[in-house]
Amino acid sequence: MQIHSATFEISSPDYEACPESELPEFAFIGRSNVGKSSLINTLTNVKDLAIVSSKPGRTRLINFFKINKKWTLVDLPGYGYAKASGQARGKFNQFVSDYLAQRENLCCVFVLIDSRLTPQKIDLEFTKWLVEYEIPFVLVYTKTDKVKPAAVQKTIEQFKEKMLEYCTGLPRVYTCSAKTTYGRRDILDFIGLAIASDEK
């Protein structure tokens, strides 16, 4: 898939404010500081489409970006933002879960995982929730330029082993680097195929 246009559409503070749309949506989410904004900018080839910050947890809204006027990339708040108050975290989690569970035109969730870390409890808990709600998702391991390939593969296998405790069919796995653009083509091709399949 080639990206010809990528434009910001709207930021929604809650599920009720999400725009009505019939376009297929692909949502990106991960724990704070996983490199989500950098990956979105790399995928769309627009430098500052998503705001990159050194401070984790900057995404507090559901952000919608229209791509090629054919589909929507949805930037979801990162889970596990430790500095937010308990009440604020609860609100974030609620409207994100409402979006994921109720959005009819959501095609797939890209769950971003830091390839430098061993399986994290918060990532496993989130994927378990997606499995329980039967929400389609794939795993995307970020920052692979900072780790040796063998270490990345070991991390992936460890995560898969943990996932087998609560699901039978494992999701697709992609690896990427926003810095080198590695993995960009594979992710975009997957989205393109998903859109083509949905149109049939």
N, C-alpha and C. Protein backbone atom coordinates (compact mmCIF):
# COMPACT_ATOMS: atom_id res chain seq x y z
N MET A 1 0.84 -1.21 0.00
CA MET A 1 0.00 0.00 0.00
C MET A 1 0.87 1.25 0.00
N GLN A 2 0.53 2.20 -0.84
CA GLN A 2 1.19 3.49 -0.86
C GLN A 2 0.35 4.52 -0.10
N ILE A 3 1.00 5.37 0.69
CA ILE A 3 0.29 6.43 1.39
C ILE A 3 0.37 7.70 0.56
N HIS A 4 -0.77 8.16 0.07
CA HIS A 4 -0.83 9.37 -0.75
C HIS A 4 -1.25 10.60 0.06
N SER A 5 -2.03 10.37 1.10
CA SER A 5 -2.47 11.49 1.94
C SER A 5 -2.75 10.99 3.35
N ALA A 6 -2.44 11.82 4.32
CA ALA A 6 -2.70 11.51 5.72
C ALA A 6 -3.03 12.81 6.43
N THR A 7 -4.26 12.93 6.88
CA THR A 7 -4.69 14.18 7.50
C THR A 7 -5.38 13.93 8.84
N PHE A 8 -5.11 14.83 9.78
CA PHE A 8 -5.79 14.76 11.07
C PHE A 8 -7.26 15.08 10.89
N GLU A 9 -8.13 14.28 11.51
CA GLU A 9 -9.57 14.50 11.40
C GLU A 9 -10.16 15.11 12.66
N ILE A 10 -10.00 14.42 13.81
CA ILE A 10 -10.60 14.92 15.04
C ILE A 10 -10.00 14.20 16.24
N SER A 11 -10.05 14.85 17.41
CA SER A 11 -9.69 14.22 18.67
C SER A 11 -10.96 14.09 19.51
N SER A 12 -11.20 12.92 20.04
CA SER A 12 -12.42 12.69 20.81
C SER A 12 -12.08 12.42 22.28
N PRO A 13 -12.73 13.14 23.20
CA PRO A 13 -12.46 12.96 24.63
C PRO A 13 -13.15 11.75 25.23
N ASP A 14 -14.13 11.20 24.51
CA ASP A 14 -14.83 10.01 24.97
C ASP A 14 -15.45 9.29 23.78
N TYR A 15 -16.01 8.13 24.03
CA TYR A 15 -16.53 7.33 22.92
C TYR A 15 -17.68 8.02 22.21
N GLU A 16 -18.54 8.69 22.98
CA GLU A 16 -19.70 9.35 22.39
C GLU A 16 -19.31 10.44 21.40
N ALA A 17 -18.12 11.00 21.55
CA ALA A 17 -17.67 12.08 20.66
C ALA A 17 -16.93 11.56 19.43
N CYS A 18 -16.76 10.26 19.31
CA CYS A 18 -16.09 9.71 18.13
C CYS A 18 -16.92 9.98 16.88
N PRO A 19 -16.29 10.34 15.79
CA PRO A 19 -17.04 10.69 14.59
C PRO A 19 -17.74 9.49 13.96
N GLU A 20 -18.91 9.75 13.38
CA GLU A 20 -19.58 8.70 12.63
C GLU A 20 -18.82 8.47 11.33
N SER A 21 -18.61 7.22 11.01
CA SER A 21 -17.82 6.91 9.82
C SER A 21 -18.10 5.49 9.36
N GLU A 22 -18.05 5.31 8.05
CA GLU A 22 -18.17 3.98 7.48
C GLU A 22 -16.82 3.47 6.98
N LEU A 23 -15.79 4.30 7.10
CA LEU A 23 -14.46 3.88 6.67
C LEU A 23 -13.89 2.84 7.63
N PRO A 24 -13.15 1.87 7.12
CA PRO A 24 -12.51 0.90 8.00
C PRO A 24 -11.48 1.59 8.90
N GLU A 25 -11.41 1.17 10.15
CA GLU A 25 -10.49 1.79 11.11
C GLU A 25 -9.49 0.77 11.63
N PHE A 26 -8.26 1.25 11.80
CA PHE A 26 -7.18 0.44 12.34
C PHE A 26 -6.59 1.21 13.52
N ALA A 27 -6.70 0.64 14.70
CA ALA A 27 -6.30 1.34 15.91
C ALA A 27 -4.92 0.91 16.39
N PHE A 28 -4.17 1.88 16.93
CA PHE A 28 -2.83 1.61 17.45
C PHE A 28 -2.80 1.94 18.94
N ILE A 29 -2.30 1.02 19.72
CA ILE A 29 -2.28 1.20 21.17
C ILE A 29 -1.09 0.46 21.76
N GLY A 30 -0.64 0.89 22.92
CA GLY A 30 0.45 0.22 23.63
C GLY A 30 0.66 0.92 24.95
N ARG A 31 1.52 0.35 25.76
CA ARG A 31 1.79 1.03 27.03
C ARG A 31 2.58 2.31 26.74
N SER A 32 2.58 3.19 27.69
CA SER A 32 3.23 4.48 27.51
C SER A 32 4.70 4.33 27.15
N ASN A 33 5.19 5.18 26.26
CA ASN A 33 6.59 5.23 25.84
C ASN A 33 7.01 4.03 25.00
N VAL A 34 6.05 3.41 24.31
CA VAL A 34 6.38 2.26 23.46
C VAL A 34 6.81 2.69 22.06
N GLY A 35 6.64 3.99 21.74
CA GLY A 35 7.03 4.49 20.43
C GLY A 35 5.89 4.55 19.44
N LYS A 36 4.67 4.70 19.96
CA LYS A 36 3.48 4.69 19.10
C LYS A 36 3.43 5.88 18.15
N SER A 37 3.65 7.07 18.66
CA SER A 37 3.59 8.26 17.81
C SER A 37 4.66 8.22 16.72
N SER A 38 5.86 7.78 17.08
CA SER A 38 6.93 7.68 16.09
C SER A 38 6.57 6.68 14.99
N LEU A 39 5.96 5.56 15.37
CA LEU A 39 5.57 4.57 14.38
C LEU A 39 4.49 5.11 13.45
N ILE A 40 3.50 5.82 14.01
CA ILE A 40 2.43 6.40 13.19
C ILE A 40 3.02 7.38 12.17
N ASN A 41 3.96 8.20 12.60
CA ASN A 41 4.59 9.15 11.68
C ASN A 41 5.39 8.43 10.60
N THR A 42 6.03 7.32 10.97
CA THR A 42 6.78 6.55 9.99
C THR A 42 5.86 5.87 8.99
N LEU A 43 4.77 5.30 9.47
CA LEU A 43 3.83 4.62 8.58
C LEU A 43 3.23 5.58 7.56
N THR A 44 2.85 6.77 8.03
CA THR A 44 2.18 7.73 7.15
C THR A 44 3.17 8.58 6.37
N ASN A 45 4.45 8.54 6.78
CA ASN A 45 5.51 9.34 6.16
C ASN A 45 5.23 10.84 6.31
N VAL A 46 4.60 11.20 7.44
CA VAL A 46 4.35 12.60 7.78
C VAL A 46 5.04 12.85 9.13
N LYS A 47 6.03 13.70 9.15
CA LYS A 47 6.93 13.85 10.29
C LYS A 47 6.21 14.11 11.61
N ASP A 48 5.29 15.08 11.65
CA ASP A 48 4.68 15.45 12.92
C ASP A 48 3.17 15.20 12.94
N LEU A 49 2.72 14.18 12.24
CA LEU A 49 1.28 13.88 12.24
C LEU A 49 0.82 13.55 13.66
N ALA A 50 1.54 12.67 14.31
CA ALA A 50 1.27 12.37 15.72
C ALA A 50 2.37 13.02 16.55
N ILE A 51 2.01 13.61 17.67
CA ILE A 51 2.97 14.34 18.49
C ILE A 51 3.86 13.36 19.26
N VAL A 52 5.17 13.50 19.06
CA VAL A 52 6.14 12.68 19.76
C VAL A 52 6.63 13.46 20.97
N SER A 53 6.59 12.81 22.13
CA SER A 53 7.02 13.50 23.35
C SER A 53 7.95 12.61 24.16
N SER A 54 8.88 13.25 24.86
CA SER A 54 9.77 12.49 25.75
C SER A 54 9.04 12.10 27.03
N LYS A 55 7.89 12.73 27.27
CA LYS A 55 7.09 12.41 28.47
C LYS A 55 6.01 11.40 28.09
N PRO A 56 5.98 10.24 28.75
CA PRO A 56 4.98 9.23 28.43
C PRO A 56 3.59 9.68 28.81
N GLY A 57 2.60 9.16 28.10
CA GLY A 57 1.22 9.43 28.46
C GLY A 57 0.65 10.71 27.90
N ARG A 58 1.27 11.27 26.86
CA ARG A 58 0.78 12.53 26.32
C ARG A 58 -0.54 12.38 25.55
N THR A 59 -0.76 11.19 24.96
CA THR A 59 -2.01 10.98 24.23
C THR A 59 -3.12 10.73 25.22
N ARG A 60 -4.02 11.71 25.38
CA ARG A 60 -5.12 11.58 26.34
C ARG A 60 -6.46 11.45 25.62
N LEU A 61 -6.46 11.59 24.30
CA LEU A 61 -7.69 11.56 23.51
C LEU A 61 -7.60 10.46 22.47
N ILE A 62 -8.74 10.13 21.88
CA ILE A 62 -8.73 9.23 20.73
C ILE A 62 -8.56 10.09 19.50
N ASN A 63 -7.45 9.93 18.80
CA ASN A 63 -7.14 10.76 17.63
C ASN A 63 -7.38 10.00 16.34
N PHE A 64 -8.11 10.64 15.42
CA PHE A 64 -8.47 10.01 14.15
C PHE A 64 -7.71 10.69 13.00
N PHE A 65 -7.08 9.87 12.15
CA PHE A 65 -6.36 10.37 10.99
C PHE A 65 -6.89 9.66 9.74
N LYS A 66 -7.32 10.43 8.76
CA LYS A 66 -7.85 9.85 7.53
C LYS A 66 -6.69 9.60 6.56
N ILE A 67 -6.58 8.37 6.09
CA ILE A 67 -5.48 7.96 5.22
C ILE A 67 -6.01 7.65 3.82
N ASN A 68 -5.45 8.31 2.83
CA ASN A 68 -5.83 8.10 1.43
C ASN A 68 -7.33 8.29 1.18
N LYS A 69 -8.00 8.93 2.13
CA LYS A 69 -9.45 9.13 2.06
C LYS A 69 -10.21 7.81 1.97
N LYS A 70 -9.51 6.70 2.37
CA LYS A 70 -10.11 5.38 2.25
C LYS A 70 -10.23 4.63 3.57
N TRP A 71 -9.34 4.99 4.52
CA TRP A 71 -9.39 4.32 5.82
C TRP A 71 -8.90 5.26 6.91
N THR A 72 -9.13 4.88 8.14
CA THR A 72 -8.79 5.74 9.27
C THR A 72 -7.81 5.06 10.21
N LEU A 73 -6.75 5.76 10.53
CA LEU A 73 -5.79 5.32 11.53
C LEU A 73 -6.20 5.97 12.85
N VAL A 74 -6.38 5.17 13.88
CA VAL A 74 -6.85 5.66 15.17
C VAL A 74 -5.74 5.52 16.21
N ASP A 75 -5.36 6.64 16.78
CA ASP A 75 -4.30 6.70 17.78
C ASP A 75 -4.96 6.71 19.15
N LEU A 76 -4.83 5.60 19.88
CA LEU A 76 -5.47 5.46 21.19
C LEU A 76 -4.51 5.82 22.32
N PRO A 77 -5.03 6.33 23.45
CA PRO A 77 -4.16 6.63 24.59
C PRO A 77 -3.42 5.39 25.06
N GLY A 78 -2.17 5.58 25.46
CA GLY A 78 -1.39 4.45 25.96
C GLY A 78 -1.93 3.99 27.30
N TYR A 79 -1.89 2.69 27.52
CA TYR A 79 -2.34 2.18 28.80
C TYR A 79 -1.17 2.15 29.78
N GLY A 80 -1.49 2.29 31.05
CA GLY A 80 -0.46 2.23 32.07
C GLY A 80 0.25 3.53 32.33
N TYR A 81 -0.44 4.65 32.11
CA TYR A 81 0.19 5.94 32.39
C TYR A 81 0.23 6.16 33.90
N ALA A 82 1.36 5.91 34.51
CA ALA A 82 1.48 5.85 35.96
C ALA A 82 1.23 7.19 36.66
N LYS A 83 1.50 8.32 35.98
CA LYS A 83 1.40 9.62 36.66
C LYS A 83 -0.01 10.19 36.66
N ALA A 84 -0.93 9.56 35.94
CA ALA A 84 -2.31 10.03 35.99
C ALA A 84 -2.94 9.55 37.30
N SER A 85 -3.89 10.32 37.79
CA SER A 85 -4.56 9.91 39.02
C SER A 85 -5.37 8.66 38.76
N GLY A 86 -5.73 7.95 39.82
CA GLY A 86 -6.53 6.73 39.67
C GLY A 86 -7.83 7.00 38.94
N GLN A 87 -8.48 8.11 39.27
CA GLN A 87 -9.75 8.47 38.62
C GLN A 87 -9.53 8.76 37.14
N ALA A 88 -8.44 9.47 36.82
CA ALA A 88 -8.16 9.79 35.43
C ALA A 88 -7.84 8.53 34.64
N ARG A 89 -7.05 7.63 35.24
CA ARG A 89 -6.72 6.38 34.56
C ARG A 89 -7.99 5.58 34.28
N GLY A 90 -8.89 5.58 35.25
CA GLY A 90 -10.15 4.84 35.07
C GLY A 90 -10.95 5.40 33.91
N LYS A 91 -10.98 6.74 33.78
CA LYS A 91 -11.71 7.38 32.69
C LYS A 91 -11.09 7.03 31.36
N PHE A 92 -9.75 7.12 31.27
CA PHE A 92 -9.05 6.76 30.03
C PHE A 92 -9.38 5.33 29.63
N ASN A 93 -9.23 4.42 30.61
CA ASN A 93 -9.45 3.01 30.31
C ASN A 93 -10.87 2.75 29.87
N GLN A 94 -11.83 3.47 30.45
CA GLN A 94 -13.23 3.24 30.12
C GLN A 94 -13.54 3.65 28.69
N PHE A 95 -13.11 4.85 28.27
CA PHE A 95 -13.50 5.26 26.93
C PHE A 95 -12.70 4.52 25.85
N VAL A 96 -11.51 4.07 26.19
CA VAL A 96 -10.75 3.24 25.24
C VAL A 96 -11.41 1.88 25.09
N SER A 97 -11.80 1.28 26.20
CA SER A 97 -12.46 -0.03 26.13
C SER A 97 -13.81 0.09 25.44
N ASP A 98 -14.53 1.20 25.64
CA ASP A 98 -15.81 1.41 24.94
C ASP A 98 -15.58 1.45 23.44
N TYR A 99 -14.53 2.18 23.03
CA TYR A 99 -14.23 2.27 21.60
C TYR A 99 -13.90 0.89 21.04
N LEU A 100 -13.02 0.17 21.70
CA LEU A 100 -12.57 -1.12 21.19
C LEU A 100 -13.70 -2.15 21.13
N ALA A 101 -14.56 -2.13 22.12
CA ALA A 101 -15.61 -3.15 22.19
C ALA A 101 -16.84 -2.81 21.36
N GLN A 102 -17.06 -1.51 21.08
CA GLN A 102 -18.31 -1.12 20.44
C GLN A 102 -18.17 -0.57 19.02
N ARG A 103 -16.98 -0.20 18.61
CA ARG A 103 -16.81 0.43 17.30
C ARG A 103 -17.00 -0.60 16.18
N GLU A 104 -18.07 -0.47 15.44
CA GLU A 104 -18.42 -1.49 14.45
C GLU A 104 -17.48 -1.53 13.25
N ASN A 105 -16.90 -0.39 12.89
CA ASN A 105 -16.02 -0.37 11.71
C ASN A 105 -14.54 -0.54 12.07
N LEU A 106 -14.27 -0.96 13.32
CA LEU A 106 -12.89 -1.26 13.72
C LEU A 106 -12.49 -2.60 13.12
N CYS A 107 -11.47 -2.59 12.29
CA CYS A 107 -11.03 -3.82 11.60
C CYS A 107 -9.97 -4.59 12.39
N CYS A 108 -9.05 -3.85 13.00
CA CYS A 108 -7.95 -4.53 13.69
C CYS A 108 -7.27 -3.57 14.65
N VAL A 109 -6.76 -4.12 15.74
CA VAL A 109 -6.00 -3.35 16.72
C VAL A 109 -4.53 -3.77 16.63
N PHE A 110 -3.66 -2.78 16.50
CA PHE A 110 -2.22 -3.04 16.50
C PHE A 110 -1.72 -2.78 17.92
N VAL A 111 -1.35 -3.86 18.60
CA VAL A 111 -0.87 -3.75 19.98
C VAL A 111 0.65 -3.64 19.93
N LEU A 112 1.16 -2.48 20.32
CA LEU A 112 2.59 -2.21 20.25
C LEU A 112 3.28 -2.68 21.52
N ILE A 113 4.39 -3.40 21.35
CA ILE A 113 5.14 -3.94 22.47
C ILE A 113 6.61 -3.59 22.30
N ASP A 114 7.24 -3.15 23.37
CA ASP A 114 8.66 -2.78 23.35
C ASP A 114 9.51 -4.04 23.24
N SER A 115 10.23 -4.17 22.14
CA SER A 115 11.00 -5.39 21.89
C SER A 115 12.18 -5.55 22.86
N ARG A 116 12.50 -4.50 23.60
CA ARG A 116 13.65 -4.56 24.51
C ARG A 116 13.31 -5.22 25.84
N LEU A 117 12.01 -5.41 26.09
CA LEU A 117 11.57 -5.88 27.41
C LEU A 117 11.06 -7.31 27.39
N THR A 118 11.25 -8.01 28.48
CA THR A 118 10.63 -9.32 28.64
C THR A 118 9.12 -9.11 28.75
N PRO A 119 8.30 -10.15 28.56
CA PRO A 119 6.84 -9.97 28.60
C PRO A 119 6.37 -9.22 29.85
N GLN A 120 5.65 -8.14 29.61
CA GLN A 120 5.16 -7.30 30.69
C GLN A 120 3.73 -7.67 31.05
N LYS A 121 3.43 -7.67 32.33
CA LYS A 121 2.11 -8.05 32.82
C LYS A 121 1.01 -7.21 32.19
N ILE A 122 1.25 -5.91 32.05
CA ILE A 122 0.22 -5.01 31.52
C ILE A 122 -0.10 -5.32 30.05
N ASP A 123 0.91 -5.70 29.27
CA ASP A 123 0.69 -6.08 27.87
C ASP A 123 -0.10 -7.39 27.79
N LEU A 124 0.26 -8.34 28.63
CA LEU A 124 -0.43 -9.63 28.64
C LEU A 124 -1.88 -9.46 29.07
N GLU A 125 -2.11 -8.63 30.07
CA GLU A 125 -3.48 -8.40 30.55
C GLU A 125 -4.34 -7.76 29.46
N PHE A 126 -3.74 -6.83 28.71
CA PHE A 126 -4.50 -6.16 27.66
C PHE A 126 -4.83 -7.13 26.53
N THR A 127 -3.87 -7.94 26.11
CA THR A 127 -4.16 -8.90 25.04
C THR A 127 -5.18 -9.94 25.50
N LYS A 128 -5.13 -10.31 26.76
CA LYS A 128 -6.13 -11.25 27.29
C LYS A 128 -7.52 -10.64 27.21
N TRP A 129 -7.63 -9.34 27.51
CA TRP A 129 -8.92 -8.64 27.42
C TRP A 129 -9.42 -8.64 25.97
N LEU A 130 -8.53 -8.39 25.03
CA LEU A 130 -8.92 -8.41 23.61
C LEU A 130 -9.42 -9.79 23.20
N VAL A 131 -8.75 -10.82 23.67
CA VAL A 131 -9.16 -12.19 23.36
C VAL A 131 -10.55 -12.46 23.92
N GLU A 132 -10.78 -12.05 25.17
CA GLU A 132 -12.06 -12.29 25.82
C GLU A 132 -13.20 -11.59 25.10
N TYR A 133 -12.94 -10.41 24.54
CA TYR A 133 -13.96 -9.66 23.83
C TYR A 133 -13.96 -9.95 22.32
N GLU A 134 -13.13 -10.89 21.91
CA GLU A 134 -13.06 -11.33 20.51
C GLU A 134 -12.79 -10.17 19.55
N ILE A 135 -11.86 -9.31 19.96
CA ILE A 135 -11.47 -8.15 19.14
C ILE A 135 -10.22 -8.53 18.36
N PRO A 136 -10.26 -8.44 17.03
CA PRO A 136 -9.09 -8.84 16.23
C PRO A 136 -7.89 -7.93 16.48
N PHE A 137 -6.72 -8.54 16.63
CA PHE A 137 -5.52 -7.74 16.88
C PHE A 137 -4.28 -8.45 16.37
N VAL A 138 -3.23 -7.67 16.17
CA VAL A 138 -1.90 -8.20 15.85
C VAL A 138 -0.91 -7.57 16.83
N LEU A 139 0.24 -8.19 16.97
CA LEU A 139 1.29 -7.66 17.83
C LEU A 139 2.36 -6.99 16.98
N VAL A 140 2.81 -5.83 17.42
CA VAL A 140 3.88 -5.11 16.71
C VAL A 140 5.00 -4.79 17.70
N TYR A 141 6.16 -5.40 17.48
CA TYR A 141 7.29 -5.16 18.36
C TYR A 141 8.09 -3.98 17.85
N THR A 142 8.21 -2.95 18.68
CA THR A 142 8.85 -1.70 18.29
C THR A 142 10.31 -1.64 18.74
N LYS A 143 11.00 -0.63 18.22
CA LYS A 143 12.37 -0.31 18.63
C LYS A 143 13.35 -1.46 18.39
N THR A 144 13.15 -2.21 17.31
CA THR A 144 14.02 -3.36 17.05
C THR A 144 15.43 -2.95 16.66
N ASP A 145 15.63 -1.68 16.32
CA ASP A 145 16.98 -1.21 16.00
C ASP A 145 17.86 -1.14 17.23
N LYS A 146 17.25 -1.21 18.42
CA LYS A 146 18.00 -1.09 19.66
C LYS A 146 18.35 -2.44 20.28
N VAL A 147 17.90 -3.54 19.62
CA VAL A 147 18.10 -4.88 20.17
C VAL A 147 18.59 -5.82 19.08
N LYS A 148 19.39 -6.80 19.45
CA LYS A 148 19.84 -7.79 18.48
C LYS A 148 18.67 -8.66 18.05
N PRO A 149 18.64 -9.08 16.77
CA PRO A 149 17.54 -9.89 16.25
C PRO A 149 17.23 -11.13 17.09
N ALA A 150 18.25 -11.79 17.58
CA ALA A 150 18.03 -13.00 18.39
C ALA A 150 17.29 -12.67 19.68
N ALA A 151 17.60 -11.51 20.26
CA ALA A 151 16.94 -11.10 21.50
C ALA A 151 15.49 -10.76 21.24
N VAL A 152 15.21 -10.12 20.09
CA VAL A 152 13.83 -9.80 19.73
C VAL A 152 13.03 -11.08 19.56
N GLN A 153 13.60 -12.05 18.86
CA GLN A 153 12.90 -13.32 18.64
C GLN A 153 12.64 -14.05 19.95
N LYS A 154 13.59 -13.99 20.87
CA LYS A 154 13.41 -14.62 22.17
C LYS A 154 12.25 -13.98 22.93
N THR A 155 12.18 -12.65 22.86
CA THR A 155 11.09 -11.92 23.52
C THR A 155 9.74 -12.31 22.93
N ILE A 156 9.68 -12.42 21.61
CA ILE A 156 8.43 -12.80 20.93
C ILE A 156 7.99 -14.19 21.37
N GLU A 157 8.93 -15.13 21.40
CA GLU A 157 8.59 -16.51 21.78
C GLU A 157 8.12 -16.57 23.23
N GLN A 158 8.74 -15.80 24.10
CA GLN A 158 8.32 -15.76 25.51
C GLN A 158 6.90 -15.23 25.65
N PHE A 159 6.60 -14.20 24.86
CA PHE A 159 5.25 -13.60 24.92
C PHE A 159 4.22 -14.60 24.40
N LYS A 160 4.53 -15.26 23.29
CA LYS A 160 3.62 -16.25 22.73
C LYS A 160 3.34 -17.36 23.73
N GLU A 161 4.38 -17.79 24.42
CA GLU A 161 4.22 -18.86 25.41
C GLU A 161 3.26 -18.44 26.52
N LYS A 162 3.37 -17.20 26.95
CA LYS A 162 2.46 -16.69 27.98
C LYS A 162 1.03 -16.59 27.44
N MET A 163 0.89 -16.18 26.19
CA MET A 163 -0.44 -16.03 25.60
C MET A 163 -1.17 -17.36 25.46
N LEU A 164 -0.44 -18.45 25.29
CA LEU A 164 -1.05 -19.76 25.13
C LEU A 164 -1.83 -20.18 26.38
N GLU A 165 -1.60 -19.47 27.48
CA GLU A 165 -2.33 -19.77 28.72
C GLU A 165 -3.79 -19.30 28.64
N TYR A 166 -4.09 -18.37 27.72
CA TYR A 166 -5.46 -17.86 27.64
C TYR A 166 -6.01 -17.77 26.22
N CYS A 167 -5.28 -18.24 25.22
CA CYS A 167 -5.85 -18.27 23.87
C CYS A 167 -5.25 -19.42 23.08
N THR A 168 -5.99 -19.90 22.11
CA THR A 168 -5.54 -21.03 21.31
C THR A 168 -4.90 -20.58 20.00
N GLY A 169 -5.49 -19.62 19.33
CA GLY A 169 -4.93 -19.12 18.08
C GLY A 169 -4.13 -17.86 18.31
N LEU A 170 -2.83 -17.91 18.07
CA LEU A 170 -1.97 -16.75 18.32
C LEU A 170 -2.09 -15.72 17.19
N PRO A 171 -1.96 -14.44 17.52
CA PRO A 171 -2.09 -13.38 16.50
C PRO A 171 -0.85 -13.28 15.62
N ARG A 172 -1.00 -12.55 14.50
CA ARG A 172 0.15 -12.23 13.66
C ARG A 172 1.12 -11.37 14.45
N VAL A 173 2.38 -11.46 14.08
CA VAL A 173 3.42 -10.68 14.75
C VAL A 173 4.23 -9.91 13.71
N TYR A 174 4.43 -8.62 13.98
CA TYR A 174 5.27 -7.78 13.12
C TYR A 174 6.36 -7.16 13.98
N THR A 175 7.50 -6.92 13.37
CA THR A 175 8.59 -6.21 14.05
C THR A 175 8.90 -4.96 13.26
N CYS A 176 9.28 -3.90 13.96
CA CYS A 176 9.48 -2.64 13.26
C CYS A 176 10.45 -1.73 14.00
N SER A 177 10.88 -0.72 13.27
CA SER A 177 11.72 0.33 13.83
C SER A 177 11.32 1.64 13.18
N ALA A 178 10.86 2.58 13.98
CA ALA A 178 10.50 3.89 13.44
C ALA A 178 11.73 4.62 12.93
N LYS A 179 12.87 4.34 13.53
CA LYS A 179 14.11 5.02 13.16
C LYS A 179 14.59 4.60 11.77
N THR A 180 14.54 3.30 11.48
CA THR A 180 15.05 2.79 10.20
C THR A 180 13.94 2.54 9.19
N THR A 181 12.68 2.65 9.61
CA THR A 181 11.47 2.35 8.82
C THR A 181 11.31 0.85 8.56
N TYR A 182 12.13 0.03 9.19
CA TYR A 182 11.99 -1.42 9.03
C TYR A 182 10.59 -1.86 9.49
N GLY A 183 9.95 -2.71 8.70
CA GLY A 183 8.64 -3.23 9.05
C GLY A 183 7.49 -2.40 8.52
N ARG A 184 7.78 -1.20 8.03
CA ARG A 184 6.72 -0.30 7.55
C ARG A 184 5.92 -0.94 6.43
N ARG A 185 6.62 -1.49 5.45
CA ARG A 185 5.94 -2.07 4.29
C ARG A 185 5.05 -3.24 4.69
N ASP A 186 5.53 -4.09 5.59
CA ASP A 186 4.74 -5.25 6.01
C ASP A 186 3.43 -4.83 6.68
N ILE A 187 3.51 -3.83 7.54
CA ILE A 187 2.31 -3.38 8.26
C ILE A 187 1.31 -2.75 7.28
N LEU A 188 1.80 -1.91 6.38
CA LEU A 188 0.91 -1.27 5.42
C LEU A 188 0.31 -2.29 4.45
N ASP A 189 1.08 -3.28 4.06
CA ASP A 189 0.54 -4.32 3.18
C ASP A 189 -0.56 -5.11 3.88
N PHE A 190 -0.38 -5.37 5.17
CA PHE A 190 -1.41 -6.07 5.94
C PHE A 190 -2.70 -5.26 5.96
N ILE A 191 -2.58 -3.96 6.20
CA ILE A 191 -3.76 -3.09 6.21
C ILE A 191 -4.43 -3.08 4.84
N GLY A 192 -3.62 -2.99 3.79
CA GLY A 192 -4.16 -2.98 2.43
C GLY A 192 -4.94 -4.25 2.12
N LEU A 193 -4.40 -5.40 2.51
CA LEU A 193 -5.08 -6.67 2.28
C LEU A 193 -6.37 -6.76 3.09
N ALA A 194 -6.34 -6.25 4.31
CA ALA A 194 -7.53 -6.27 5.17
C ALA A 194 -8.64 -5.42 4.57
N ILE A 195 -8.29 -4.27 4.03
CA ILE A 195 -9.27 -3.39 3.40
C ILE A 195 -9.85 -4.05 2.14
N ALA A 196 -8.97 -4.65 1.34
CA ALA A 196 -9.42 -5.32 0.11
C ALA A 196 -10.35 -6.48 0.44
N SER A 197 -10.04 -7.22 1.49
CA SER A 197 -10.87 -8.35 1.89
C SER A 197 -12.22 -7.87 2.38
N ASP A 198 -12.24 -6.75 3.09
CA ASP A 198 -13.48 -6.20 3.65
C ASP A 198 -14.39 -5.68 2.54
N GLU A 199 -13.80 -5.26 1.43
CA GLU A 199 -14.58 -4.69 0.32
C GLU A 199 -15.26 -5.76 -0.53
N LYS A 200 -14.81 -7.00 -0.40
CA LYS A 200 -15.37 -8.08 -1.22
C LYS A 200 -16.78 -8.45 -0.74
